[in-house]
């Protein structure tokens, strides 16, 4: 069984654990609709991404 040679200090231990904190997901206001959406994600209601039509809007069907 592996045994550490030296005791890990509180500073080193806490620095390693500093990345474990939970963060809230970021939201930005949409320029066109004014609704909140995730940055760098496609708007599912309109199907727009970076000013271009990428998907067909939700509820709209193509025949």
C-alpha atoms as a PDB file:
ATOM      1  CA  UNK A   1       0.000   0.000   0.000  1.00  0.00           C
ATOM      2  CA  UNK A   2       1.309   3.442  -0.905  1.00  0.00           C
ATOM      3  CA  UNK A   3       2.093   5.712   2.011  1.00  0.00           C
ATOM      4  CA  UNK A   4       2.813   9.440   1.534  1.00  0.00           C
ATOM      5  CA  UNK A   5       6.284  10.567   2.615  1.00  0.00           C
ATOM      6  CA  UNK A   6       5.095  13.940   3.913  1.00  0.00           C
ATOM      7  CA  UNK A   7       1.877  15.327   5.299  1.00  0.00           C
ATOM      8  CA  UNK A   8      -0.087  17.378   2.769  1.00  0.00           C
ATOM      9  CA  UNK A   9      -0.465  20.911   4.078  1.00  0.00           C
ATOM     10  CA  UNK A  10      -3.862  22.578   4.340  1.00  0.00           C
ATOM     11  CA  UNK A  11      -2.825  25.102   1.712  1.00  0.00           C
ATOM     12  CA  UNK A  12      -1.963  22.463  -0.889  1.00  0.00           C
ATOM     13  CA  UNK A  13      -5.043  20.393  -0.055  1.00  0.00           C
ATOM     14  CA  UNK A  14      -7.415  23.367  -0.289  1.00  0.00           C
ATOM     15  CA  UNK A  15      -5.824  24.635  -3.525  1.00  0.00           C
ATOM     16  CA  UNK A  16      -6.444  21.227  -5.080  1.00  0.00           C
ATOM     17  CA  UNK A  17     -10.071  21.254  -3.935  1.00  0.00           C
ATOM     18  CA  UNK A  18     -10.732  24.826  -5.091  1.00  0.00           C
ATOM     19  CA  UNK A  19     -11.921  23.560  -8.488  1.00  0.00           C
ATOM     20  CA  UNK A  20     -14.666  21.455  -6.893  1.00  0.00           C
ATOM     21  CA  UNK A  21     -16.928  24.442  -6.222  1.00  0.00           C
ATOM     22  CA  UNK A  22     -20.285  24.499  -8.018  1.00  0.00           C
ATOM     23  CA  UNK A  23     -21.063  27.431 -10.303  1.00  0.00           C
ATOM     24  CA  UNK A  24     -24.367  28.567 -11.777  1.00  0.00           C
ATOM     25  CA  UNK A  25     -24.699  28.289 -15.548  1.00  0.00           C
ATOM     26  CA  UNK A  26     -24.265  31.584 -17.378  1.00  0.00           C
ATOM     27  CA  UNK A  27     -27.142  33.133 -19.316  1.00  0.00           C
ATOM     28  CA  UNK A  28     -27.127  36.023 -21.761  1.00  0.00           C
ATOM     29  CA  UNK A  29     -29.989  38.112 -23.090  1.00  0.00           C
ATOM     30  CA  UNK A  30     -30.890  37.308 -26.699  1.00  0.00           C
ATOM     31  CA  UNK A  31     -30.519  40.311 -29.018  1.00  0.00           C
ATOM     32  CA  UNK A  32     -33.632  39.562 -31.088  1.00  0.00           C
ATOM     33  CA  UNK A  33     -36.171  38.132 -28.659  1.00  0.00           C
ATOM     34  CA  UNK A  34     -34.813  39.529 -25.374  1.00  0.00           C
ATOM     35  CA  UNK A  35     -35.130  36.147 -23.663  1.00  0.00           C
ATOM     36  CA  UNK A  36     -32.376  34.521 -21.628  1.00  0.00           C
ATOM     37  CA  UNK A  37     -30.392  31.756 -23.301  1.00  0.00           C
ATOM     38  CA  UNK A  38     -27.103  29.908 -22.791  1.00  0.00           C
ATOM     39  CA  UNK A  39     -24.128  31.484 -24.572  1.00  0.00           C
ATOM     40  CA  UNK A  40     -22.742  29.537 -27.576  1.00  0.00           C
ATOM     41  CA  UNK A  41     -25.948  27.463 -27.825  1.00  0.00           C
ATOM     42  CA  UNK A  42     -28.634  27.329 -30.505  1.00  0.00           C
ATOM     43  CA  UNK A  43     -31.911  29.060 -29.628  1.00  0.00           C
ATOM     44  CA  UNK A  44     -34.399  26.193 -29.965  1.00  0.00           C
ATOM     45  CA  UNK A  45     -37.449  28.447 -30.305  1.00  0.00           C
ATOM     46  CA  UNK A  46     -36.143  30.368 -33.317  1.00  0.00           C
ATOM     47  CA  UNK A  47     -33.431  27.989 -34.550  1.00  0.00           C
ATOM     48  CA  UNK A  48     -30.916  30.825 -34.823  1.00  0.00           C
ATOM     49  CA  UNK A  49     -27.210  30.665 -33.972  1.00  0.00           C
ATOM     50  CA  UNK A  50     -24.848  33.619 -34.449  1.00  0.00           C
ATOM     51  CA  UNK A  51     -27.353  35.414 -36.667  1.00  0.00           C
ATOM     52  CA  UNK A  52     -27.947  32.467 -39.022  1.00  0.00           C
ATOM     53  CA  UNK A  53     -30.885  30.057 -39.347  1.00  0.00           C
ATOM     54  CA  UNK A  54     -29.426  26.686 -38.298  1.00  0.00           C
ATOM     55  CA  UNK A  55     -32.506  24.654 -37.307  1.00  0.00           C
ATOM     56  CA  UNK A  56     -36.139  24.770 -38.245  1.00  0.00           C
ATOM     57  CA  UNK A  57     -38.051  26.613 -35.506  1.00  0.00           C
ATOM     58  CA  UNK A  58     -39.916  24.531 -32.941  1.00  0.00           C
ATOM     59  CA  UNK A  59     -43.533  23.903 -33.941  1.00  0.00           C
ATOM     60  CA  UNK A  60     -42.868  24.569 -37.603  1.00  0.00           C
ATOM     61  CA  UNK A  61     -43.061  21.460 -39.780  1.00  0.00           C
ATOM     62  CA  UNK A  62     -41.669  20.944 -43.250  1.00  0.00           C
ATOM     63  CA  UNK A  63     -43.768  18.954 -45.672  1.00  0.00           C
END
